[in-house]
Amino acid sequence: MNKIYLVLLPFLLACSLPAADDLPPVGGVQNVVLLRHAEKEAGVPDPGLTAAGHARAEFIAGWLGDPERHIEAIWSSDYRRTRETAQPLADRLGLEVRLYDPRDLPGLAARLRNQEFNAVVIGHSNTTPELASLLCECEVPAMPETDYETFYRLFRTDDGFGLLAVDLLKTWVDRPAPPD
């Protein structure tokens, strides 16, 4: 019986996540947005993005590329799928994509903690929740390999970072249909 609850937990959690447009305004508080790369090709070494993945990367660029969000840094692991997800946002904002080593998430967390500006980090299904956990110093559930919808917004508080998990699917209503 408990196994059923474990299977249903991600779906129940996703239903309770706010939509991206429900986020409080950025204001003067430092924000770090953590995203998993967009949909990737299957069965190839260092895969790039699928057509749906490129569409998602463009959506992310339009959404996070709003000048009122004051994004000043974009970080990506050095994999094709993460760089391809980050590049449209970097192009829109006129920024260079900074590379990080996904094997040194504590080092990246320290850099993000020591900066005073808003940043976006494009990672993977295993590294994104782990980095969120390091920044908020709280427990963050594992992200399923199939989850391209959840992202994390961390915001500076007096005691470190607070965390919001957000469902991108509730915001992106005109996304292309997945292939059959």
C-alpha atoms as a PDB file:
ATOM      1  CA  MET A   1       0.000   0.000   0.000  1.00  0.00           C
ATOM      2  CA  ASN A   2       2.834   2.438   0.824  1.00  0.00           C
ATOM      3  CA  LYS A   3       4.327   1.867  -2.640  1.00  0.00           C
ATOM      4  CA  ILE A   4       1.177   3.324  -4.198  1.00  0.00           C
ATOM      5  CA  TYR A   5       1.617   6.517  -2.176  1.00  0.00           C
ATOM      6  CA  LEU A   6       5.255   6.781  -3.280  1.00  0.00           C
ATOM      7  CA  VAL A   7       4.205   6.469  -6.921  1.00  0.00           C
ATOM      8  CA  LEU A   8       1.430   9.047  -6.519  1.00  0.00           C
ATOM      9  CA  LEU A   9       3.460  11.511  -4.428  1.00  0.00           C
ATOM     10  CA  PRO A  10       5.146  13.307  -7.387  1.00  0.00           C
ATOM     11  CA  PHE A  11       1.762  13.765  -9.090  1.00  0.00           C
ATOM     12  CA  LEU A  12       0.132  15.087  -5.934  1.00  0.00           C
ATOM     13  CA  LEU A  13       3.067  17.407  -5.323  1.00  0.00           C
ATOM     14  CA  ALA A  14       2.905  18.709  -8.906  1.00  0.00           C
ATOM     15  CA  CYS A  15      -0.780  19.526  -8.468  1.00  0.00           C
ATOM     16  CA  SER A  16       0.038  21.670  -5.449  1.00  0.00           C
ATOM     17  CA  LEU A  17       2.871  23.643  -7.055  1.00  0.00           C
ATOM     18  CA  PRO A  18       2.171  27.248  -8.006  1.00  0.00           C
ATOM     19  CA  ALA A  19       2.294  28.291 -11.643  1.00  0.00           C
ATOM     20  CA  ALA A  20       5.249  30.388 -12.778  1.00  0.00           C
ATOM     21  CA  ASP A  21       3.060  33.492 -13.049  1.00  0.00           C
ATOM     22  CA  ASP A  22       2.010  33.044  -9.406  1.00  0.00           C
ATOM     23  CA  LEU A  23       5.519  33.882  -8.206  1.00  0.00           C
ATOM     24  CA  PRO A  24       5.911  36.986  -6.088  1.00  0.00           C
ATOM     25  CA  PRO A  25       7.695  39.842  -7.862  1.00  0.00           C
ATOM     26  CA  VAL A  26      11.481  39.768  -7.829  1.00  0.00           C
ATOM     27  CA  GLY A  27      11.864  43.140  -6.110  1.00  0.00           C
ATOM     28  CA  GLY A  28      15.209  43.864  -4.447  1.00  0.00           C
ATOM     29  CA  VAL A  29      15.743  40.308  -3.202  1.00  0.00           C
ATOM     30  CA  GLN A  30      18.370  38.050  -4.790  1.00  0.00           C
ATOM     31  CA  ASN A  31      16.778  35.186  -6.719  1.00  0.00           C
ATOM     32  CA  VAL A  32      18.358  32.037  -8.106  1.00  0.00           C
ATOM     33  CA  VAL A  33      16.237  30.043 -10.566  1.00  0.00           C
ATOM     34  CA  LEU A  34      17.186  26.385 -11.019  1.00  0.00           C
ATOM     35  CA  LEU A  35      15.923  24.548 -14.104  1.00  0.00           C
ATOM     36  CA  ARG A  36      16.504  21.181 -15.607  1.00  0.00           C
ATOM     37  CA  HIS A  37      17.564  21.190 -19.266  1.00  0.00           C
ATOM     38  CA  ALA A  38      14.775  20.918 -21.837  1.00  0.00           C
ATOM     39  CA  GLU A  39      13.763  17.705 -23.619  1.00  0.00           C
ATOM     40  CA  LYS A  40      16.783  15.872 -25.034  1.00  0.00           C
ATOM     41  CA  GLU A  41      17.372  13.507 -27.934  1.00  0.00           C
ATOM     42  CA  ALA A  42      17.470   9.840 -26.997  1.00  0.00           C
ATOM     43  CA  GLY A  43      20.150   7.262 -27.581  1.00  0.00           C
ATOM     44  CA  VAL A  44      23.073   9.501 -28.574  1.00  0.00           C
ATOM     45  CA  PRO A  45      26.162  10.541 -26.642  1.00  0.00           C
ATOM     46  CA  ASP A  46      25.948  14.127 -25.296  1.00  0.00           C
ATOM     47  CA  PRO A  47      22.483  14.620 -26.799  1.00  0.00           C
ATOM     48  CA  GLY A  48      21.147  17.917 -28.012  1.00  0.00           C
ATOM     49  CA  LEU A  49      17.578  19.109 -27.660  1.00  0.00           C
ATOM     50  CA  THR A  50      14.568  17.764 -29.516  1.00  0.00           C
ATOM     51  CA  ALA A  51      12.217  20.132 -31.360  1.00  0.00           C
ATOM     52  CA  ALA A  52      10.093  20.267 -28.189  1.00  0.00           C
ATOM     53  CA  GLY A  53      13.238  20.988 -26.191  1.00  0.00           C
ATOM     54  CA  HIS A  54      14.175  23.910 -28.443  1.00  0.00           C
ATOM     55  CA  ALA A  55      10.628  25.239 -28.115  1.00  0.00           C
ATOM     56  CA  ARG A  56      10.897  24.976 -24.312  1.00  0.00           C
ATOM     57  CA  ALA A  57      14.277  26.759 -24.346  1.00  0.00           C
ATOM     58  CA  GLU A  58      12.731  29.614 -26.353  1.00  0.00           C
ATOM     59  CA  PHE A  59       9.789  29.789 -23.932  1.00  0.00           C
ATOM     60  CA  ILE A  60      12.187  29.949 -20.974  1.00  0.00           C
ATOM     61  CA  ALA A  61      14.121  32.735 -22.719  1.00  0.00           C
ATOM     62  CA  GLY A  62      10.945  34.731 -23.247  1.00  0.00           C
ATOM     63  CA  TRP A  63       9.746  34.187 -19.710  1.00  0.00           C
ATOM     64  CA  LEU A  64      13.000  34.713 -17.788  1.00  0.00           C
ATOM     65  CA  GLY A  65      14.376  37.201 -20.325  1.00  0.00           C
ATOM     66  CA  ASP A  66      12.022  39.920 -19.112  1.00  0.00           C
ATOM     67  CA  PRO A  67      14.323  42.810 -18.074  1.00  0.00           C
ATOM     68  CA  GLU A  68      12.292  43.268 -14.870  1.00  0.00           C
ATOM     69  CA  ARG A  69      13.667  39.935 -13.621  1.00  0.00           C
ATOM     70  CA  HIS A  70      17.176  41.449 -13.562  1.00  0.00           C
ATOM     71  CA  ILE A  71      18.998  38.209 -14.441  1.00  0.00           C
ATOM     72  CA  GLU A  72      22.736  38.934 -14.395  1.00  0.00           C
ATOM     73  CA  ALA A  73      24.251  35.442 -14.697  1.00  0.00           C
ATOM     74  CA  ILE A  74      23.354  32.208 -16.464  1.00  0.00           C
ATOM     75  CA  TRP A  75      25.099  29.007 -15.432  1.00  0.00           C
ATOM     76  CA  SER A  76      25.090  25.711 -17.344  1.00  0.00           C
ATOM     77  CA  SER A  77      26.854  22.410 -17.025  1.00  0.00           C
ATOM     78  CA  ASP A  78      29.106  21.702 -20.010  1.00  0.00           C
ATOM     79  CA  TYR A  79      26.733  19.324 -21.764  1.00  0.00           C
ATOM     80  CA  ARG A  80      25.132  20.078 -25.101  1.00  0.00           C
ATOM     81  CA  ARG A  81      21.551  19.796 -23.809  1.00  0.00           C
ATOM     82  CA  THR A  82      22.126  22.266 -20.951  1.00  0.00           C
ATOM     83  CA  ARG A  83      24.064  24.731 -23.116  1.00  0.00           C
ATOM     84  CA  GLU A  84      21.305  24.593 -25.774  1.00  0.00           C
ATOM     85  CA  THR A  85      18.690  25.253 -23.086  1.00  0.00           C
ATOM     86  CA  ALA A  86      20.648  28.218 -21.683  1.00  0.00           C
ATOM     87  CA  GLN A  87      21.722  29.870 -24.950  1.00  0.00           C
ATOM     88  CA  PRO A  88      18.407  31.486 -26.036  1.00  0.00           C
ATOM     89  CA  LEU A  89      18.123  33.174 -22.634  1.00  0.00           C
ATOM     90  CA  ALA A  90      21.759  34.285 -22.786  1.00  0.00           C
ATOM     91  CA  ASP A  91      21.221  35.676 -26.302  1.00  0.00           C
ATOM     92  CA  ARG A  92      18.105  37.545 -25.227  1.00  0.00           C
ATOM     93  CA  LEU A  93      19.871  39.109 -22.235  1.00  0.00           C
ATOM     94  CA  GLY A  94      23.226  39.665 -23.935  1.00  0.00           C
ATOM     95  CA  LEU A  95      25.039  37.466 -21.399  1.00  0.00           C
ATOM     96  CA  GLU A  96      27.664  34.756 -21.691  1.00  0.00           C
ATOM     97  CA  VAL A  97      26.771  31.315 -20.358  1.00  0.00           C
ATOM     98  CA  ARG A  98      29.043  30.468 -17.437  1.00  0.00           C
ATOM     99  CA  LEU A  99      29.989  26.797 -17.152  1.00  0.00           C
ATOM    100  CA  TYR A 100      30.030  24.875 -13.881  1.00  0.00           C
ATOM    101  CA  ASP A 101      31.109  21.379 -12.947  1.00  0.00           C
ATOM    102  CA  PRO A 102      28.034  19.330 -11.922  1.00  0.00           C
ATOM    103  CA  ARG A 103      30.353  17.158  -9.803  1.00  0.00           C
ATOM    104  CA  ASP A 104      31.122  20.217  -7.620  1.00  0.00           C
ATOM    105  CA  LEU A 105      27.680  21.444  -6.611  1.00  0.00           C
ATOM    106  CA  PRO A 106      28.914  22.606  -3.167  1.00  0.00           C
ATOM    107  CA  GLY A 107      31.376  24.889  -4.984  1.00  0.00           C
ATOM    108  CA  LEU A 108      28.629  26.324  -7.202  1.00  0.00           C
ATOM    109  CA  ALA A 109      26.329  26.755  -4.189  1.00  0.00           C
ATOM    110  CA  ALA A 110      29.070  28.734  -2.423  1.00  0.00           C
ATOM    111  CA  ARG A 111      29.523  30.985  -5.476  1.00  0.00           C
ATOM    112  CA  LEU A 112      25.776  31.595  -5.715  1.00  0.00           C
ATOM    113  CA  ARG A 113      25.560  32.353  -1.981  1.00  0.00           C
ATOM    114  CA  ASN A 114      28.425  34.857  -2.249  1.00  0.00           C
ATOM    115  CA  GLN A 115      26.955  36.799  -5.155  1.00  0.00           C
ATOM    116  CA  GLU A 116      24.409  39.548  -4.717  1.00  0.00           C
ATOM    117  CA  PHE A 117      22.592  39.274  -8.063  1.00  0.00           C
ATOM    118  CA  ASN A 118      19.924  37.160  -9.753  1.00  0.00           C
ATOM    119  CA  ALA A 119      21.029  34.065 -11.627  1.00  0.00           C
ATOM    120  CA  VAL A 120      19.654  31.116 -13.595  1.00  0.00           C
ATOM    121  CA  VAL A 121      21.250  27.674 -13.372  1.00  0.00           C
ATOM    122  CA  ILE A 122      20.494  25.017 -16.001  1.00  0.00           C
ATOM    123  CA  GLY A 123      21.200  21.516 -14.721  1.00  0.00           C
ATOM    124  CA  HIS A 124      19.948  17.960 -14.767  1.00  0.00           C
ATOM    125  CA  SER A 125      17.230  15.907 -13.076  1.00  0.00           C
ATOM    126  CA  ASN A 126      19.719  14.717 -10.452  1.00  0.00           C
ATOM    127  CA  THR A 127      21.720  17.932  -9.929  1.00  0.00           C
ATOM    128  CA  THR A 128      18.892  20.502  -9.878  1.00  0.00           C
ATOM    129  CA  PRO A 129      17.183  19.250  -6.676  1.00  0.00           C
ATOM    130  CA  GLU A 130      20.576  18.617  -5.069  1.00  0.00           C
ATOM    131  CA  LEU A 131      21.692  22.211  -5.741  1.00  0.00           C
ATOM    132  CA  ALA A 132      18.352  23.508  -4.450  1.00  0.00           C
ATOM    133  CA  SER A 133      18.874  21.505  -1.268  1.00  0.00           C
ATOM    134  CA  LEU A 134      22.397  22.869  -0.816  1.00  0.00           C
ATOM    135  CA  LEU A 135      21.189  26.456  -1.212  1.00  0.00           C
ATOM    136  CA  CYS A 136      18.101  26.305   1.001  1.00  0.00           C
ATOM    137  CA  GLU A 137      19.674  23.859   3.453  1.00  0.00           C
ATOM    138  CA  CYS A 138      16.439  21.913   3.316  1.00  0.00           C
ATOM    139  CA  GLU A 139      15.284  18.600   1.932  1.00  0.00           C
ATOM    140  CA  VAL A 140      14.244  18.659  -1.729  1.00  0.00           C
ATOM    141  CA  PRO A 141      12.643  15.546  -3.259  1.00  0.00           C
ATOM    142  CA  ALA A 142      14.333  13.782  -6.161  1.00  0.00           C
ATOM    143  CA  MET A 143      13.236  14.863  -9.625  1.00  0.00           C
ATOM    144  CA  PRO A 144      12.039  12.086 -11.957  1.00  0.00           C
ATOM    145  CA  GLU A 145      13.982  11.723 -15.214  1.00  0.00           C
ATOM    146  CA  THR A 146      10.766  12.569 -17.079  1.00  0.00           C
ATOM    147  CA  ASP A 147      10.143  15.879 -15.252  1.00  0.00           C
ATOM    148  CA  TYR A 148      10.817  18.895 -17.457  1.00  0.00           C
ATOM    149  CA  GLU A 149       8.179  21.030 -15.747  1.00  0.00           C
ATOM    150  CA  THR A 150       9.391  21.643 -12.199  1.00  0.00           C
ATOM    151  CA  PHE A 151      11.840  24.394 -11.491  1.00  0.00           C
ATOM    152  CA  TYR A 152      13.007  25.973  -8.262  1.00  0.00           C
ATOM    153  CA  ARG A 153      13.120  29.616  -7.288  1.00  0.00           C
ATOM    154  CA  LEU A 154      15.386  30.352  -4.363  1.00  0.00           C
ATOM    155  CA  PHE A 155      15.170  33.779  -2.818  1.00  0.00           C
ATOM    156  CA  ARG A 156      17.490  35.434  -0.350  1.00  0.00           C
ATOM    157  CA  THR A 157      16.205  35.708   3.226  1.00  0.00           C
ATOM    158  CA  ASP A 158      17.840  36.959   6.412  1.00  0.00           C
ATOM    159  CA  ASP A 159      18.841  33.355   7.193  1.00  0.00           C
ATOM    160  CA  GLY A 160      19.975  32.129   3.752  1.00  0.00           C
ATOM    161  CA  PHE A 161      17.626  31.075   0.953  1.00  0.00           C
ATOM    162  CA  GLY A 162      13.937  30.229   0.902  1.00  0.00           C
ATOM    163  CA  LEU A 163      12.635  27.801  -1.728  1.00  0.00           C
ATOM    164  CA  LEU A 164       9.628  27.696  -4.029  1.00  0.00           C
ATOM    165  CA  ALA A 165       9.062  24.735  -6.350  1.00  0.00           C
ATOM    166  CA  VAL A 166       7.081  25.860  -9.382  1.00  0.00           C
ATOM    167  CA  ASP A 167       5.252  24.028 -12.165  1.00  0.00           C
ATOM    168  CA  LEU A 168       6.213  25.497 -15.546  1.00  0.00           C
ATOM    169  CA  LEU A 169       3.469  23.450 -17.244  1.00  0.00           C
ATOM    170  CA  LYS A 170       0.770  25.609 -15.645  1.00  0.00           C
ATOM    171  CA  THR A 171       2.291  28.688 -17.332  1.00  0.00           C
ATOM    172  CA  TRP A 172       3.275  27.358 -20.754  1.00  0.00           C
ATOM    173  CA  VAL A 173      -0.159  26.759 -22.257  1.00  0.00           C
ATOM    174  CA  ASP A 174       0.816  27.103 -25.933  1.00  0.00           C
ATOM    175  CA  ARG A 175       3.612  24.491 -25.842  1.00  0.00           C
ATOM    176  CA  PRO A 176       3.942  22.086 -28.779  1.00  0.00           C
ATOM    177  CA  ALA A 177       2.401  18.658 -28.405  1.00  0.00           C
ATOM    178  CA  PRO A 178       4.916  15.897 -27.631  1.00  0.00           C
ATOM    179  CA  PRO A 179       5.644  13.458 -30.468  1.00  0.00           C
ATOM    180  CA  ASP A 180       3.697  10.185 -30.516  1.00  0.00           C
END
